[in-house]
Amino acid sequence: MKSDKNENMSDLVVKSNRLNTAIQNLSLVEIRLIQVAIIDSRETQTGLTADSPLRISAKRYAECFDVDIDTAYDVLLAAETTLFERRFSFVNKRDNQVKTRWVSQVEYIRGDGAIEIILTPAVVKEITRIDGLKNFFTKYLLGQTATLNSVYSVRLYELLIQWRKAKKTPLFELEVFRGQLGLGVSDYQRMSDFKRRVLDAAVAEINEKTDLRVNYKQEKEKSKIIGFRFKVLEKPKTRESKLQDGRDNNIADMFVIEELNDNQLGRIARNPSFVADYNHMVSSTSPAGQDPKAWEFEMINRLKKDASQFKKRPLREYLEY
């Protein structure tokens, strides 16, 4: 992917916070493949069941991450073995720890320079069934992490972007944080090594190459470091990126609409703020302009048909009143 992060702005990585904060140990190559899989499975509706595997070509990988085609071929060939063996764990809605794989099947298509994968049910659930009532999911543009050269930088960016609106994180407890970054028990055990080789290097790369400006402070109990808190600020946007960001929010709203039932859509349509924002869309003499029930019916249908018409604010905000 070229350095201009606005070129592939439609490549939106969206996943639940449960999946985003999972304990995992993917390599840089593997995490990139999972990012592409999350995007492409949503766009093509493949890779979600055993009947329709998702194909990722060397050309697609090369274009996303600005590598030569030979490197992309090698990456996909290696992934046939390594990606299938990768496991992760997360805490589900019942507050139980779930252990699973990322993919249930991987096949390298010789002669085509591509792999076909099927995501596990646990992953599918966390990338396709996002709760529309609350903003409990993480989204970012693939272009923001495509030029990062360290898997620790990618994972730290994912963990921090979740707190972009709050502009600060809660305490990232050390042992959980290490697992989320993909570190094993014996990796960089000394705090000086962890900070120099992992944390400080990742912060520096994020600040240099992405849309975030971050810093951290360590928290101690007595003399022992128990975790870190981060400040997360967005860099000022150019006019072009502001316009594009509006389009990306439309993509996210379209994604959320699929998870809202008619009762929730009706609640949105009845919100006085929604009515004030969009009453210009119907004639005052039409049934929808005169009867609240007809208005609600009309707006539910329009929301389902094309949510991108409703741009004035995130649709989820209309659920709260």
Protein backbone atom coordinates (compact mmCIF):
# COMPACT_ATOMS: atom_id res chain seq x y z
CA MET A 1 0.00 0.00 0.00
CA LYS A 2 1.31 3.43 -0.90
CA SER A 3 2.14 5.95 1.76
CA ASP A 4 -0.95 8.04 0.94
CA LYS A 5 -3.35 6.62 3.49
CA ASN A 6 -6.36 8.08 1.68
CA GLU A 7 -6.12 5.81 -1.35
CA ASN A 8 -7.77 2.71 0.09
CA MET A 9 -10.06 4.33 2.62
CA SER A 10 -12.83 1.81 1.98
CA ASP A 11 -10.66 -0.90 3.61
CA LEU A 12 -12.24 -0.60 7.04
CA VAL A 13 -11.25 -3.19 9.65
CA VAL A 14 -14.20 -3.67 12.02
CA LYS A 15 -14.29 -6.15 14.91
CA SER A 16 -15.78 -6.43 18.36
CA ASN A 17 -13.82 -5.14 21.32
CA ARG A 18 -13.80 -8.70 22.65
CA LEU A 19 -11.85 -9.83 19.60
CA ASN A 20 -9.69 -6.72 19.54
CA THR A 21 -8.46 -7.27 23.10
CA ALA A 22 -7.88 -11.01 22.71
CA ILE A 23 -4.74 -12.70 23.98
CA GLN A 24 -3.00 -13.79 20.78
CA ASN A 25 0.41 -14.47 19.23
CA LEU A 26 0.13 -13.69 15.53
CA SER A 27 3.19 -12.69 13.55
CA LEU A 28 3.20 -9.48 11.51
CA VAL A 29 2.40 -11.40 8.33
CA GLU A 30 -0.41 -13.33 10.02
CA ILE A 31 -2.01 -10.28 11.58
CA ARG A 32 -1.98 -8.62 8.16
CA LEU A 33 -3.73 -11.64 6.65
CA ILE A 34 -6.37 -11.55 9.38
CA GLN A 35 -6.93 -7.84 8.72
CA VAL A 36 -7.49 -8.51 5.02
CA ALA A 37 -9.71 -11.49 5.87
CA ILE A 38 -11.90 -9.34 8.14
CA ILE A 39 -12.36 -6.76 5.38
CA ASP A 40 -12.83 -9.13 2.46
CA SER A 41 -15.13 -11.58 4.25
CA ARG A 42 -17.45 -8.72 5.14
CA GLU A 43 -17.40 -7.33 1.61
CA THR A 44 -17.78 -10.68 -0.21
CA GLN A 45 -19.65 -12.73 2.42
CA THR A 46 -17.14 -15.54 1.87
CA GLY A 47 -14.93 -17.31 4.39
CA LEU A 48 -17.80 -17.37 6.87
CA THR A 49 -18.91 -20.98 6.27
CA ALA A 50 -17.36 -24.20 5.00
CA ASP A 51 -19.34 -23.82 1.78
CA SER A 52 -17.69 -20.58 0.67
CA PRO A 53 -13.98 -20.14 1.51
CA LEU A 54 -12.41 -16.68 1.24
CA ARG A 55 -9.65 -16.36 -1.36
CA ILE A 56 -6.76 -13.96 -0.68
CA SER A 57 -4.38 -13.55 -3.61
CA ALA A 58 -0.72 -12.60 -3.60
CA LYS A 59 -1.69 -9.57 -5.68
CA ARG A 60 -4.17 -8.42 -3.01
CA TYR A 61 -1.58 -8.82 -0.25
CA ALA A 62 1.12 -7.03 -2.27
CA GLU A 63 -1.16 -4.08 -3.01
CA CYS A 64 -2.32 -3.73 0.59
CA PHE A 65 1.11 -3.80 2.19
CA ASP A 66 3.34 -2.43 -0.58
CA VAL A 67 5.53 -5.53 -0.97
CA ASP A 68 6.73 -7.16 -4.18
CA ILE A 69 4.72 -10.01 -5.63
CA ASP A 70 7.40 -12.64 -4.92
CA THR A 71 7.36 -11.73 -1.23
CA ALA A 72 3.57 -11.98 -1.25
CA TYR A 73 3.73 -15.48 -2.79
CA ASP A 74 6.17 -16.57 -0.06
CA VAL A 75 3.95 -15.09 2.64
CA LEU A 76 0.87 -16.97 1.49
CA LEU A 77 2.74 -20.25 1.13
CA ALA A 78 4.11 -19.98 4.67
CA ALA A 79 0.71 -18.99 6.02
CA GLU A 80 -0.78 -22.29 4.89
CA THR A 81 1.01 -23.93 7.81
CA THR A 82 1.45 -21.24 10.44
CA LEU A 83 -1.93 -19.51 10.38
CA PHE A 84 -3.86 -22.71 11.00
CA GLU A 85 -1.83 -23.37 14.16
CA ARG A 86 -2.44 -19.95 15.70
CA ARG A 87 -4.80 -19.83 18.66
CA PHE A 88 -6.18 -17.01 20.76
CA SER A 89 -8.35 -16.56 23.84
CA PHE A 90 -10.94 -13.98 24.84
CA VAL A 91 -13.63 -13.45 27.48
CA ASN A 92 -17.16 -14.02 26.18
CA LYS A 93 -20.50 -12.48 27.26
CA ARG A 94 -20.81 -15.03 30.08
CA ASP A 95 -17.46 -13.83 31.43
CA ASN A 96 -15.84 -17.16 30.56
CA GLN A 97 -12.53 -17.55 28.79
CA VAL A 98 -12.86 -19.01 25.29
CA LYS A 99 -9.92 -20.60 23.49
CA THR A 100 -10.11 -21.01 19.74
CA ARG A 101 -8.27 -20.78 16.42
CA TRP A 102 -8.44 -17.96 13.90
CA VAL A 103 -9.17 -20.24 10.94
CA SER A 104 -10.69 -23.70 10.65
CA GLN A 105 -9.26 -24.40 7.21
CA VAL A 106 -6.41 -23.09 5.04
CA GLU A 107 -5.58 -24.19 1.52
CA TYR A 108 -2.77 -22.88 -0.69
CA ILE A 109 -3.94 -22.79 -4.32
CA ARG A 110 -0.87 -23.82 -6.29
CA GLY A 111 -0.59 -22.12 -9.65
CA ASP A 112 -2.90 -19.28 -8.61
CA GLY A 113 -0.70 -17.70 -5.94
CA ALA A 114 -3.54 -17.53 -3.44
CA ILE A 115 -4.84 -19.08 -0.25
CA GLU A 116 -8.39 -19.96 0.65
CA ILE A 117 -9.41 -19.76 4.29
CA ILE A 118 -12.48 -20.37 6.42
CA LEU A 119 -12.74 -18.37 9.63
CA THR A 120 -13.77 -20.13 12.83
CA PRO A 121 -17.30 -19.53 14.19
CA ALA A 122 -15.85 -17.56 17.11
CA VAL A 123 -14.16 -15.10 14.74
CA VAL A 124 -17.17 -14.89 12.43
CA LYS A 125 -19.40 -13.94 15.34
CA GLU A 126 -17.06 -11.14 16.42
CA ILE A 127 -16.71 -9.55 12.97
CA THR A 128 -20.27 -9.88 11.63
CA ARG A 129 -22.61 -9.53 14.61
CA ILE A 130 -21.68 -6.13 16.01
CA ASP A 131 -24.06 -4.77 18.65
CA GLY A 132 -25.82 -1.75 17.16
CA LEU A 133 -27.08 -0.46 20.51
CA LYS A 134 -23.68 0.44 21.93
CA ASN A 135 -20.42 1.39 20.32
CA PHE A 136 -18.65 -1.74 21.58
CA PHE A 137 -16.55 -2.34 18.53
CA THR A 138 -13.24 -1.17 17.12
CA LYS A 139 -12.80 0.18 13.61
CA TYR A 140 -9.82 1.59 11.77
CA LEU A 141 -8.54 1.90 8.24
CA LEU A 142 -6.11 -0.73 7.05
CA GLY A 143 -3.93 2.02 5.60
CA GLN A 144 -3.10 3.26 9.10
CA THR A 145 -1.26 0.06 10.03
CA ALA A 146 -0.14 -1.14 6.58
CA THR A 147 3.27 0.54 6.80
CA LEU A 148 4.01 -0.51 10.39
CA ASN A 149 6.97 -2.88 10.45
CA SER A 150 6.43 -4.44 13.87
CA VAL A 151 3.61 -6.70 15.00
CA TYR A 152 3.83 -4.97 18.39
CA SER A 153 3.14 -1.62 16.72
CA VAL A 154 0.09 -3.04 14.93
CA ARG A 155 -1.31 -4.61 18.08
CA LEU A 156 -0.67 -1.51 20.19
CA TYR A 157 -2.39 0.64 17.56
CA GLU A 158 -5.42 -1.69 17.61
CA LEU A 159 -5.62 -1.54 21.40
CA LEU A 160 -5.26 2.25 21.48
CA ILE A 161 -7.62 3.12 18.62
CA GLN A 162 -10.39 1.53 20.68
CA TRP A 163 -9.99 4.48 23.08
CA ARG A 164 -9.74 7.23 20.46
CA LYS A 165 -12.91 9.02 21.56
CA ALA A 166 -12.04 8.86 25.26
CA LYS A 167 -8.51 10.15 24.48
CA LYS A 168 -7.08 8.02 27.25
CA THR A 169 -7.05 4.37 28.24
CA PRO A 170 -7.75 2.59 31.50
CA LEU A 171 -4.87 0.77 33.13
CA PHE A 172 -3.42 -1.86 30.82
CA GLU A 173 -2.40 -4.47 33.39
CA LEU A 174 1.07 -5.71 32.57
CA GLU A 175 0.57 -9.46 32.15
CA VAL A 176 -2.66 -9.11 30.17
CA PHE A 177 -1.10 -6.35 28.07
CA ARG A 178 1.89 -8.54 27.24
CA GLY A 179 -0.44 -11.31 26.09
CA GLN A 180 -2.46 -8.92 23.96
CA LEU A 181 0.74 -7.80 22.26
CA GLY A 182 1.60 -11.43 21.54
CA LEU A 183 4.49 -11.88 23.97
CA GLY A 184 5.22 -15.25 25.52
CA VAL A 185 6.09 -15.73 29.18
CA SER A 186 9.83 -15.76 28.44
CA ASP A 187 9.86 -12.87 25.93
CA TYR A 188 11.53 -9.67 27.14
CA GLN A 189 11.07 -10.52 30.80
CA ARG A 190 13.20 -7.63 32.02
CA MET A 191 11.20 -4.41 32.07
CA SER A 192 14.05 -2.45 30.49
CA ASP A 193 14.07 -4.86 27.54
CA PHE A 194 10.27 -4.82 27.23
CA LYS A 195 10.15 -1.04 27.15
CA ARG A 196 13.10 -0.62 24.78
CA ARG A 197 12.40 -3.44 22.32
CA VAL A 198 8.60 -3.48 22.40
CA LEU A 199 6.75 -0.59 24.02
CA ASP A 200 8.91 2.44 23.22
CA ALA A 201 9.64 1.19 19.71
CA ALA A 202 5.92 0.65 19.04
CA VAL A 203 4.95 4.07 20.40
CA ALA A 204 7.61 5.75 18.24
CA GLU A 205 6.47 3.96 15.08
CA ILE A 206 2.80 4.73 15.74
CA ASN A 207 3.60 8.41 16.29
CA GLU A 208 5.66 8.55 13.10
CA LYS A 209 3.42 6.64 10.69
CA THR A 210 -0.22 6.68 11.81
CA ASP A 211 -3.02 9.13 12.56
CA LEU A 212 -2.43 8.88 16.33
CA ARG A 213 -0.16 10.76 18.70
CA VAL A 214 0.30 8.68 21.86
CA ASN A 215 2.31 8.64 25.06
CA TYR A 216 2.15 6.63 28.25
CA LYS A 217 2.93 6.61 31.92
CA GLN A 218 3.74 3.56 33.99
CA GLU A 219 1.87 2.69 37.15
CA LYS A 220 3.56 1.12 40.15
CA GLU A 221 2.56 -0.76 43.26
CA LYS A 222 5.30 -0.12 45.75
CA SER A 223 8.36 -0.39 43.49
CA LYS A 224 6.89 -2.81 40.94
CA ILE A 225 5.44 -1.70 37.59
CA ILE A 226 1.93 -3.19 37.30
CA GLY A 227 0.80 -1.62 34.04
CA PHE A 228 0.53 1.40 31.76
CA ARG A 229 -1.95 4.15 30.96
CA PHE A 230 -1.93 5.84 27.56
CA LYS A 231 -3.02 9.19 26.20
CA VAL A 232 -4.48 8.80 22.71
CA LEU A 233 -4.81 11.89 20.52
CA GLU A 234 -5.64 12.15 16.84
CA LYS A 235 -3.31 14.17 14.64
CA PRO A 236 -4.95 17.16 12.90
CA LYS A 237 -6.70 16.12 9.69
CA THR A 238 -6.35 17.65 6.27
CA ARG A 239 -9.51 18.81 4.50
CA GLU A 240 -9.32 15.79 2.18
CA SER A 241 -9.07 13.32 5.04
CA LYS A 242 -12.00 14.98 6.85
CA LEU A 243 -14.18 14.54 3.78
CA GLN A 244 -13.08 10.93 3.43
CA ASP A 245 -13.66 10.24 7.11
CA GLY A 246 -17.29 11.18 6.59
CA ARG A 247 -17.54 8.51 3.92
CA ASP A 248 -15.93 5.97 6.23
CA ASN A 249 -18.48 6.72 8.96
CA ASN A 250 -21.17 5.97 6.40
CA ILE A 251 -19.58 2.54 5.85
CA ALA A 252 -19.64 1.90 9.59
CA ASP A 253 -23.30 2.96 9.86
CA MET A 254 -24.24 0.65 6.98
CA PHE A 255 -22.45 -2.15 8.83
CA VAL A 256 -24.37 -1.42 12.05
CA ILE A 257 -27.76 -1.19 10.30
CA GLU A 258 -27.53 -4.89 9.44
CA GLU A 259 -27.51 -5.70 13.17
CA LEU A 260 -30.49 -3.53 14.18
CA ASN A 261 -33.98 -4.99 14.34
CA ASP A 262 -37.14 -3.13 13.32
CA ASN A 263 -37.89 -2.08 16.90
CA GLN A 264 -34.48 -0.43 17.18
CA LEU A 265 -34.83 1.23 13.77
CA GLY A 266 -38.26 2.46 14.85
CA ARG A 267 -36.75 3.96 17.99
CA ILE A 268 -34.24 5.82 15.83
CA ALA A 269 -37.00 7.10 13.53
CA ARG A 270 -39.08 8.35 16.50
CA ASN A 271 -36.23 10.27 18.08
CA PRO A 272 -37.17 13.99 17.93
CA SER A 273 -33.60 14.82 16.93
CA PHE A 274 -33.81 12.37 14.03
CA VAL A 275 -37.14 13.87 12.96
CA ALA A 276 -35.66 17.37 13.08
CA ASP A 277 -32.60 16.29 11.10
CA TYR A 278 -34.45 14.48 8.32
CA ASN A 279 -38.02 15.80 8.07
CA HIS A 280 -36.98 17.54 4.86
CA MET A 281 -36.82 14.12 3.19
CA VAL A 282 -40.62 13.83 2.96
CA SER A 283 -43.30 16.23 1.78
CA SER A 284 -45.33 17.87 4.53
CA THR A 285 -48.49 16.85 2.65
CA SER A 286 -47.51 13.19 2.26
CA PRO A 287 -48.71 10.49 4.70
CA ALA A 288 -45.20 10.29 6.20
CA GLY A 289 -45.25 14.05 6.70
CA GLN A 290 -48.56 14.01 8.54
CA ASP A 291 -48.77 10.71 10.44
CA PRO A 292 -46.06 9.63 12.93
CA LYS A 293 -46.72 5.94 12.20
CA ALA A 294 -46.34 6.50 8.46
CA TRP A 295 -43.14 8.49 9.13
CA GLU A 296 -41.71 5.64 11.17
CA PHE A 297 -42.58 3.05 8.50
CA GLU A 298 -41.06 5.22 5.75
CA MET A 299 -37.82 5.87 7.66
CA ILE A 300 -37.32 2.22 8.62
CA ASN A 301 -37.53 1.28 4.95
CA ARG A 302 -35.13 4.05 3.94
CA LEU A 303 -32.63 3.11 6.64
CA LYS A 304 -32.67 -0.49 5.46
CA LYS A 305 -32.35 0.46 1.81
CA ASP A 306 -29.53 3.01 2.06
CA ALA A 307 -28.21 4.13 5.45
CA SER A 308 -25.68 6.41 3.74
CA GLN A 309 -28.48 8.98 3.21
CA PHE A 310 -28.38 9.71 6.95
CA LYS A 311 -25.09 11.52 7.48
CA LYS A 312 -25.72 14.23 10.05
CA ARG A 313 -24.55 12.19 13.01
CA PRO A 314 -23.77 8.53 13.83
CA LEU A 315 -27.04 6.60 13.70
CA ARG A 316 -26.36 4.89 17.03
CA GLU A 317 -26.66 8.26 18.79
CA TYR A 318 -30.38 8.36 17.97
CA LEU A 319 -30.98 5.27 20.11
CA GLU A 320 -30.24 7.31 23.25
CA TYR A 321 -33.06 9.68 24.28
